[in-house]
PDB file of N, CA and C in Angstrom:
ATOM      1  N   MET A   1     -33.664 -20.662  -6.456  1.00  0.00           N
ATOM      2  CA  MET A   1     -32.782 -19.510  -6.367  1.00  0.00           C
ATOM      3  C   MET A   1     -32.869 -18.672  -7.628  1.00  0.00           C
ATOM      4  N   LEU A   2     -33.061 -19.319  -8.780  1.00  0.00           N
ATOM      5  CA  LEU A   2     -33.135 -18.590 -10.035  1.00  0.00           C
ATOM      6  C   LEU A   2     -34.365 -17.692 -10.061  1.00  0.00           C
ATOM      7  N   GLY A   3     -35.450 -18.114  -9.420  1.00  0.00           N
ATOM      8  CA  GLY A   3     -36.656 -17.302  -9.382  1.00  0.00           C
ATOM      9  C   GLY A   3     -36.475 -16.027  -8.579  1.00  0.00           C
ATOM     10  N   ILE A   4     -35.613 -16.059  -7.583  1.00  0.00           N
ATOM     11  CA  ILE A   4     -35.351 -14.858  -6.778  1.00  0.00           C
ATOM     12  C   ILE A   4     -34.633 -13.808  -7.609  1.00  0.00           C
ATOM     13  N   ILE A   5     -33.675 -14.221  -8.405  1.00  0.00           N
ATOM     14  CA  ILE A   5     -32.903 -13.269  -9.198  1.00  0.00           C
ATOM     15  C   ILE A   5     -33.741 -12.714 -10.341  1.00  0.00           C
ATOM     16  N   ASN A   6     -34.666 -13.495 -10.884  1.00  0.00           N
ATOM     17  CA  ASN A   6     -35.499 -13.023 -11.993  1.00  0.00           C
ATOM     18  C   ASN A   6     -36.547 -12.021 -11.544  1.00  0.00           C
ATOM     19  N   ASN A   7     -36.932 -12.043 -10.290  1.00  0.00           N
ATOM     20  CA  ASN A   7     -37.922 -11.084  -9.787  1.00  0.00           C
ATOM     21  C   ASN A   7     -37.213  -9.760  -9.513  1.00  0.00           C
ATOM     22  N   PRO A   8     -37.559  -8.673 -10.251  1.00  0.00           N
ATOM     23  CA  PRO A   8     -36.842  -7.403 -10.100  1.00  0.00           C
ATOM     24  C   PRO A   8     -36.949  -6.795  -8.700  1.00  0.00           C
ATOM     25  N   ALA A   9     -38.051  -6.973  -8.033  1.00  0.00           N
ATOM     26  CA  ALA A   9     -38.215  -6.383  -6.710  1.00  0.00           C
ATOM     27  C   ALA A   9     -37.274  -7.038  -5.703  1.00  0.00           C
ATOM     28  N   ILE A  10     -37.137  -8.337  -5.788  1.00  0.00           N
ATOM     29  CA  ILE A  10     -36.277  -9.053  -4.848  1.00  0.00           C
ATOM     30  C   ILE A  10     -34.811  -8.909  -5.256  1.00  0.00           C
ATOM     31  N   ALA A  11     -34.548  -8.827  -6.555  1.00  0.00           N
ATOM     32  CA  ALA A  11     -33.175  -8.694  -7.039  1.00  0.00           C
ATOM     33  C   ALA A  11     -32.542  -7.406  -6.533  1.00  0.00           C
ATOM     34  N   MET A  12     -33.327  -6.329  -6.414  1.00  0.00           N
ATOM     35  CA  MET A  12     -32.809  -5.070  -5.879  1.00  0.00           C
ATOM     36  C   MET A  12     -32.363  -5.241  -4.434  1.00  0.00           C
ATOM     37  N   TYR A  13     -33.149  -5.949  -3.639  1.00  0.00           N
ATOM     38  CA  TYR A  13     -32.794  -6.177  -2.239  1.00  0.00           C
ATOM     39  C   TYR A  13     -31.547  -7.052  -2.117  1.00  0.00           C
ATOM     40  N   VAL A  14     -31.433  -8.031  -3.001  1.00  0.00           N
ATOM     41  CA  VAL A  14     -30.253  -8.892  -2.986  1.00  0.00           C
ATOM     42  C   VAL A  14     -29.009  -8.082  -3.350  1.00  0.00           C
ATOM     43  N   ALA A  15     -29.112  -7.235  -4.365  1.00  0.00           N
ATOM     44  CA  ALA A  15     -27.981  -6.399  -4.764  1.00  0.00           C
ATOM     45  C   ALA A  15     -27.604  -5.421  -3.651  1.00  0.00           C
ATOM     46  N   ALA A  16     -28.605  -4.841  -2.992  1.00  0.00           N
ATOM     47  CA  ALA A  16     -28.335  -3.921  -1.887  1.00  0.00           C
ATOM     48  C   ALA A  16     -27.679  -4.655  -0.721  1.00  0.00           C
ATOM     49  N   ALA A  17     -28.103  -5.862  -0.442  1.00  0.00           N
ATOM     50  CA  ALA A  17     -27.510  -6.635   0.642  1.00  0.00           C
ATOM     51  C   ALA A  17     -26.052  -6.983   0.333  1.00  0.00           C
ATOM     52  N   VAL A  18     -25.780  -7.357  -0.909  1.00  0.00           N
ATOM     53  CA  VAL A  18     -24.409  -7.670  -1.309  1.00  0.00           C
ATOM     54  C   VAL A  18     -23.536  -6.426  -1.196  1.00  0.00           C
ATOM     55  N   ALA A  19     -24.044  -5.277  -1.652  1.00  0.00           N
ATOM     56  CA  ALA A  19     -23.290  -4.033  -1.546  1.00  0.00           C
ATOM     57  C   ALA A  19     -23.037  -3.666  -0.085  1.00  0.00           C
ATOM     58  N   LEU A  20     -24.023  -3.882   0.777  1.00  0.00           N
ATOM     59  CA  LEU A  20     -23.868  -3.592   2.199  1.00  0.00           C
ATOM     60  C   LEU A  20     -22.804  -4.485   2.841  1.00  0.00           C
ATOM     61  N   VAL A  21     -22.809  -5.747   2.491  1.00  0.00           N
ATOM     62  CA  VAL A  21     -21.810  -6.671   3.036  1.00  0.00           C
ATOM     63  C   VAL A  21     -20.411  -6.265   2.577  1.00  0.00           C
ATOM     64  N   VAL A  22     -20.271  -5.885   1.318  1.00  0.00           N
ATOM     65  CA  VAL A  22     -18.968  -5.463   0.800  1.00  0.00           C
ATOM     66  C   VAL A  22     -18.503  -4.194   1.513  1.00  0.00           C
ATOM     67  N   MET A  23     -19.389  -3.231   1.706  1.00  0.00           N
ATOM     68  CA  MET A  23     -19.015  -1.989   2.380  1.00  0.00           C
ATOM     69  C   MET A  23     -18.640  -2.242   3.838  1.00  0.00           C
ATOM     70  N   ILE A  24     -19.363  -3.094   4.525  1.00  0.00           N
ATOM     71  CA  ILE A  24     -19.031  -3.422   5.908  1.00  0.00           C
ATOM     72  C   ILE A  24     -17.659  -4.091   5.968  1.00  0.00           C
ATOM     73  N   GLY A  25     -17.379  -4.982   5.042  1.00  0.00           N
ATOM     74  CA  GLY A  25     -16.069  -5.625   4.990  1.00  0.00           C
ATOM     75  C   GLY A  25     -14.950  -4.634   4.722  1.00  0.00           C
ATOM     76  N   PHE A  26     -15.184  -3.692   3.818  1.00  0.00           N
ATOM     77  CA  PHE A  26     -14.180  -2.683   3.495  1.00  0.00           C
ATOM     78  C   PHE A  26     -13.893  -1.793   4.695  1.00  0.00           C
ATOM     79  N   PHE A  27     -14.942  -1.312   5.369  1.00  0.00           N
ATOM     80  CA  PHE A  27     -14.734  -0.448   6.524  1.00  0.00           C
ATOM     81  C   PHE A  27     -14.143  -1.228   7.695  1.00  0.00           C
ATOM     82  N   GLY A  28     -14.466  -2.490   7.828  1.00  0.00           N
ATOM     83  CA  GLY A  28     -13.830  -3.327   8.841  1.00  0.00           C
ATOM     84  C   GLY A  28     -12.341  -3.480   8.582  1.00  0.00           C
ATOM     85  N   TYR A  29     -11.979  -3.660   7.318  1.00  0.00           N
ATOM     86  CA  TYR A  29     -10.576  -3.761   6.946  1.00  0.00           C
ATOM     87  C   TYR A  29      -9.843  -2.463   7.257  1.00  0.00           C
ATOM     88  N   LEU A  30     -10.440  -1.322   6.895  1.00  0.00           N
ATOM     89  CA  LEU A  30      -9.817  -0.029   7.191  1.00  0.00           C
ATOM     90  C   LEU A  30      -9.667   0.189   8.688  1.00  0.00           C
ATOM     91  N   TRP A  31     -10.665  -0.204   9.464  1.00  0.00           N
ATOM     92  CA  TRP A  31     -10.605  -0.036  10.912  1.00  0.00           C
ATOM     93  C   TRP A  31      -9.482  -0.879  11.501  1.00  0.00           C
ATOM     94  N   ARG A  32      -9.354  -2.117  11.018  1.00  0.00           N
ATOM     95  CA  ARG A  32      -8.299  -3.002  11.498  1.00  0.00           C
ATOM     96  C   ARG A  32      -6.919  -2.467  11.123  1.00  0.00           C
ATOM     97  N   MET A  33      -6.796  -1.932   9.915  1.00  0.00           N
ATOM     98  CA  MET A  33      -5.524  -1.371   9.461  1.00  0.00           C
ATOM     99  C   MET A  33      -5.163  -0.136  10.278  1.00  0.00           C
ATOM    100  N   ASP A  34      -6.144   0.713  10.572  1.00  0.00           N
ATOM    101  CA  ASP A  34      -5.908   1.901  11.379  1.00  0.00           C
ATOM    102  C   ASP A  34      -5.445   1.518  12.778  1.00  0.00           C
ATOM    103  N   ARG A  35      -6.043   0.490  13.340  1.00  0.00           N
ATOM    104  CA  ARG A  35      -5.662   0.036  14.678  1.00  0.00           C
ATOM    105  C   ARG A  35      -4.220  -0.480  14.673  1.00  0.00           C
ATOM    106  N   SER A  36      -3.838  -1.186  13.620  1.00  0.00           N
ATOM    107  CA  SER A  36      -2.468  -1.693  13.518  1.00  0.00           C
ATOM    108  C   SER A  36      -1.466  -0.549  13.396  1.00  0.00           C
ATOM    109  N   VAL A  37      -1.811   0.455  12.614  1.00  0.00           N
ATOM    110  CA  VAL A  37      -0.915   1.603  12.444  1.00  0.00           C
ATOM    111  C   VAL A  37      -0.779   2.359  13.758  1.00  0.00           C
ATOM    112  N   ARG A  38      -1.865   2.506  14.497  1.00  0.00           N
ATOM    113  CA  ARG A  38      -1.790   3.167  15.796  1.00  0.00           C
ATOM    114  C   ARG A  38      -0.888   2.411  16.756  1.00  0.00           C
ATOM    115  N   GLU A  39      -0.990   1.077  16.766  1.00  0.00           N
ATOM    116  CA  GLU A  39      -0.136   0.277  17.638  1.00  0.00           C
ATOM    117  C   GLU A  39       1.331   0.434  17.260  1.00  0.00           C
ATOM    118  N   LEU A  40       1.617   0.452  15.967  1.00  0.00           N
ATOM    119  CA  LEU A  40       3.001   0.663  15.534  1.00  0.00           C
ATOM    120  C   LEU A  40       3.497   2.052  15.917  1.00  0.00           C
ATOM    121  N   GLN A  41       2.641   3.056  15.774  1.00  0.00           N
ATOM    122  CA  GLN A  41       3.024   4.417  16.143  1.00  0.00           C
ATOM    123  C   GLN A  41       3.302   4.505  17.638  1.00  0.00           C
ATOM    124  N   ARG A  42       2.479   3.860  18.450  1.00  0.00           N
ATOM    125  CA  ARG A  42       2.709   3.859  19.896  1.00  0.00           C
ATOM    126  C   ARG A  42       4.020   3.162  20.225  1.00  0.00           C
ATOM    127  N   ALA A  43       4.323   2.075  19.522  1.00  0.00           N
ATOM    128  CA  ALA A  43       5.583   1.366  19.775  1.00  0.00           C
ATOM    129  C   ALA A  43       6.778   2.235  19.414  1.00  0.00           C
ATOM    130  N   LEU A  44       6.675   2.965  18.319  1.00  0.00           N
ATOM    131  CA  LEU A  44       7.762   3.863  17.932  1.00  0.00           C
ATOM    132  C   LEU A  44       7.899   5.013  18.920  1.00  0.00           C
ATOM    133  N   ASP A  45       6.789   5.553  19.375  1.00  0.00           N
ATOM    134  CA  ASP A  45       6.840   6.641  20.348  1.00  0.00           C
ATOM    135  C   ASP A  45       7.395   6.160  21.683  1.00  0.00           C
ATOM    136  N   ALA A  46       7.117   4.915  22.039  1.00  0.00           N
ATOM    137  CA  ALA A  46       7.609   4.375  23.300  1.00  0.00           C
ATOM    138  C   ALA A  46       9.123   4.189  23.281  1.00  0.00           C
ATOM    139  N   GLU A  47       9.683   3.918  22.107  1.00  0.00           N
ATOM    140  CA  GLU A  47      11.128   3.763  21.997  1.00  0.00           C
ATOM    141  C   GLU A  47      11.848   5.093  22.137  1.00  0.00           C
ATOM    142  N   GLN A  48      11.162   6.190  21.873  1.00  0.00           N
ATOM    143  CA  GLN A  48      11.712   7.542  21.954  1.00  0.00           C
ATOM    144  C   GLN A  48      12.980   7.666  21.123  1.00  0.00           C
ATOM    145  N   ILE A  49      12.827   7.393  19.859  1.00  0.00           N
ATOM    146  CA  ILE A  49      13.950   7.517  18.942  1.00  0.00           C
ATOM    147  C   ILE A  49      14.252   8.999  18.777  1.00  0.00           C
ATOM    148  N   PRO A  50      15.506   9.411  19.003  1.00  0.00           N
ATOM    149  CA  PRO A  50      15.820  10.830  18.867  1.00  0.00           C
ATOM    150  C   PRO A  50      15.684  11.280  17.418  1.00  0.00           C
ATOM    151  N   ALA A  51      15.088  12.417  17.237  1.00  0.00           N
ATOM    152  CA  ALA A  51      14.916  12.959  15.893  1.00  0.00           C
ATOM    153  C   ALA A  51      16.258  13.469  15.396  1.00  0.00           C
ATOM    154  N   ARG A  52      16.483  13.370  14.119  1.00  0.00           N
ATOM    155  CA  ARG A  52      17.733  13.862  13.549  1.00  0.00           C
ATOM    156  C   ARG A  52      17.744  15.382  13.577  1.00  0.00           C
ATOM    157  N   ASP A  53      18.890  15.895  13.848  1.00  0.00           N
ATOM    158  CA  ASP A  53      19.061  17.340  13.857  1.00  0.00           C
ATOM    159  C   ASP A  53      19.154  17.817  12.411  1.00  0.00           C
ATOM    160  N   ALA A  54      18.558  18.944  12.121  1.00  0.00           N
ATOM    161  CA  ALA A  54      18.565  19.467  10.759  1.00  0.00           C
ATOM    162  C   ALA A  54      19.979  19.827  10.321  1.00  0.00           C
ATOM    163  N   ALA A  55      20.847  20.187  11.266  1.00  0.00           N
ATOM    164  CA  ALA A  55      22.220  20.546  10.922  1.00  0.00           C
ATOM    165  C   ALA A  55      23.033  19.319  10.532  1.00  0.00           C
ATOM    166  N   GLN A  56      22.656  18.140  10.980  1.00  0.00           N
ATOM    167  CA  GLN A  56      23.417  16.935  10.678  1.00  0.00           C
ATOM    168  C   GLN A  56      23.123  16.386   9.286  1.00  0.00           C
ATOM    169  N   THR A  57      21.917  16.542   8.824  1.00  0.00           N
ATOM    170  CA  THR A  57      21.551  15.996   7.518  1.00  0.00           C
ATOM    171  C   THR A  57      21.740  17.062   6.446  1.00  0.00           C
ATOM    172  N   PRO A  58      22.422  16.726   5.369  1.00  0.00           N
ATOM    173  CA  PRO A  58      22.612  17.725   4.320  1.00  0.00           C
ATOM    174  C   PRO A  58      21.306  18.001   3.585  1.00  0.00           C
ATOM    175  N   SER A  59      21.163  19.206   3.128  1.00  0.00           N
ATOM    176  CA  SER A  59      19.951  19.560   2.392  1.00  0.00           C
ATOM    177  C   SER A  59      20.016  18.958   0.998  1.00  0.00           C
ATOM    178  N   VAL A  60      18.970  19.131   0.265  1.00  0.00           N
ATOM    179  CA  VAL A  60      18.897  18.560  -1.082  1.00  0.00           C
ATOM    180  C   VAL A  60      19.959  19.178  -1.982  1.00  0.00           C
ATOM    181  N   ILE A  61      20.230  20.448  -1.802  1.00  0.00           N
ATOM    182  CA  ILE A  61      21.193  21.135  -2.656  1.00  0.00           C
ATOM    183  C   ILE A  61      22.613  20.674  -2.338  1.00  0.00           C
ATOM    184  N   GLU A  62      22.914  20.412  -1.065  1.00  0.00           N
ATOM    185  CA  GLU A  62      24.259  20.059  -0.652  1.00  0.00           C
ATOM    186  C   GLU A  62      24.626  18.620  -0.980  1.00  0.00           C
ATOM    187  N   ARG A  63      23.658  17.792  -1.237  1.00  0.00           N
ATOM    188  CA  ARG A  63      23.937  16.388  -1.504  1.00  0.00           C
ATOM    189  C   ARG A  63      24.642  16.219  -2.834  1.00  0.00           C
ATOM    190  N   GLU A  64      25.449  15.176  -2.888  1.00  0.00           N
ATOM    191  CA  GLU A  64      26.150  14.867  -4.123  1.00  0.00           C
ATOM    192  C   GLU A  64      25.154  14.314  -5.138  1.00  0.00           C
ATOM    193  N   PRO A  65      25.207  14.773  -6.385  1.00  0.00           N
ATOM    194  CA  PRO A  65      24.232  14.289  -7.370  1.00  0.00           C
ATOM    195  C   PRO A  65      24.459  12.814  -7.675  1.00  0.00           C
ATOM    196  N   LEU A  66      23.376  12.148  -8.030  1.00  0.00           N
ATOM    197  CA  LEU A  66      23.461  10.743  -8.392  1.00  0.00           C
ATOM    198  C   LEU A  66      24.113  10.604  -9.754  1.00  0.00           C
ATOM    199  N   ARG A  67      24.991   9.642  -9.850  1.00  0.00           N
ATOM    200  CA  ARG A  67      25.667   9.403 -11.117  1.00  0.00           C
ATOM    201  C   ARG A  67      25.208   8.063 -11.664  1.00  0.00           C
ATOM    202  N   PRO A  68      25.060   7.973 -12.973  1.00  0.00           N
ATOM    203  CA  PRO A  68      24.635   6.683 -13.532  1.00  0.00           C
ATOM    204  C   PRO A  68      25.719   5.630 -13.311  1.00  0.00           C
ATOM    205  N   GLN A  69      25.268   4.436 -13.013  1.00  0.00           N
ATOM    206  CA  GLN A  69      26.208   3.349 -12.795  1.00  0.00           C
ATOM    207  C   GLN A  69      26.271   2.481 -14.036  1.00  0.00           C
ATOM    208  N   ARG A  70      27.445   1.983 -14.303  1.00  0.00           N
ATOM    209  CA  ARG A  70      27.612   1.116 -15.458  1.00  0.00           C
ATOM    210  C   ARG A  70      27.087  -0.274 -15.121  1.00  0.00           C
ATOM    211  N   ILE A  71      26.245  -0.786 -15.970  1.00  0.00           N
ATOM    212  CA  ILE A  71      25.677  -2.113 -15.769  1.00  0.00           C
ATOM    213  C   ILE A  71      26.368  -3.064 -16.734  1.00  0.00           C
ATOM    214  N   GLU A  72      26.984  -4.065 -16.159  1.00  0.00           N
ATOM    215  CA  GLU A  72      27.670  -5.065 -16.981  1.00  0.00           C
ATOM    216  C   GLU A  72      26.645  -6.083 -17.481  1.00  0.00           C
ATOM    217  N   LYS A  73      26.583  -6.256 -18.779  1.00  0.00           N
ATOM    218  CA  LYS A  73      25.655  -7.224 -19.360  1.00  0.00           C
ATOM    219  C   LYS A  73      26.330  -8.581 -19.458  1.00  0.00           C
ATOM    220  N   GLU A  74      25.537  -9.586 -19.293  1.00  0.00           N
ATOM    221  CA  GLU A  74      26.070 -10.931 -19.472  1.00  0.00           C
ATOM    222  C   GLU A  74      26.198 -11.219 -20.952  1.00  0.00           C
ATOM    223  N   LEU A  75      27.282 -11.864 -21.299  1.00  0.00           N
ATOM    224  CA  LEU A  75      27.491 -12.199 -22.699  1.00  0.00           C
ATOM    225  C   LEU A  75      26.695 -13.421 -23.111  1.00  0.00           C
ATOM    226  N   SER A  76      26.211 -14.182 -22.151  1.00  0.00           N
ATOM    227  CA  SER A  76      25.532 -15.420 -22.472  1.00  0.00           C
ATOM    228  C   SER A  76      24.017 -15.253 -22.582  1.00  0.00           C
ATOM    229  N   ASP A  77      23.502 -14.036 -22.592  1.00  0.00           N
ATOM    230  CA  ASP A  77      22.055 -13.874 -22.647  1.00  0.00           C
ATOM    231  C   ASP A  77      21.487 -14.002 -24.059  1.00  0.00           C
ATOM    232  N   GLY A  78      22.354 -14.107 -25.056  1.00  0.00           N
ATOM    233  CA  GLY A  78      21.883 -14.315 -26.411  1.00  0.00           C
ATOM    234  C   GLY A  78      21.535 -13.032 -27.138  1.00  0.00           C
ATOM    235  N   LEU A  79      21.580 -11.905 -26.473  1.00  0.00           N
ATOM    236  CA  LEU A  79      21.233 -10.636 -27.109  1.00  0.00           C
ATOM    237  C   LEU A  79      22.475  -9.937 -27.672  1.00  0.00           C
ATOM    238  N   ASN A  80      23.603 -10.202 -27.093  1.00  0.00           N
ATOM    239  CA  ASN A  80      24.838  -9.549 -27.543  1.00  0.00           C
ATOM    240  C   ASN A  80      25.499 -10.429 -28.583  1.00  0.00           C
ATOM    241  N   ARG A  81      25.535  -9.961 -29.806  1.00  0.00           N
ATOM    242  CA  ARG A  81      26.193 -10.688 -30.879  1.00  0.00           C
ATOM    243  C   ARG A  81      27.320  -9.846 -31.401  1.00  0.00           C
ATOM    244  N   ARG A  82      28.471 -10.462 -31.508  1.00  0.00           N
ATOM    245  CA  ARG A  82      29.633  -9.713 -31.984  1.00  0.00           C
ATOM    246  C   ARG A  82      30.048 -10.152 -33.339  1.00  0.00           C
TER     247      ARG A  82
END
């Protein structure tokens, strides 16, 4: 096996074959993922979930701004020294 890798002509073919196998695996993975997403989309479409009305949801401007919340620290964490 070591003689195959040392020969530059054969090493190129081995590298190309490895790259081809990796690319086939990657595109197979993408194809499988696309098929899964399509099945999920069909399931969601079959449920016929009613879309929210634009009048029901407040716009970004009308929403109440986020306020920082107070985080209570534990006194036993060793960082708080009084």
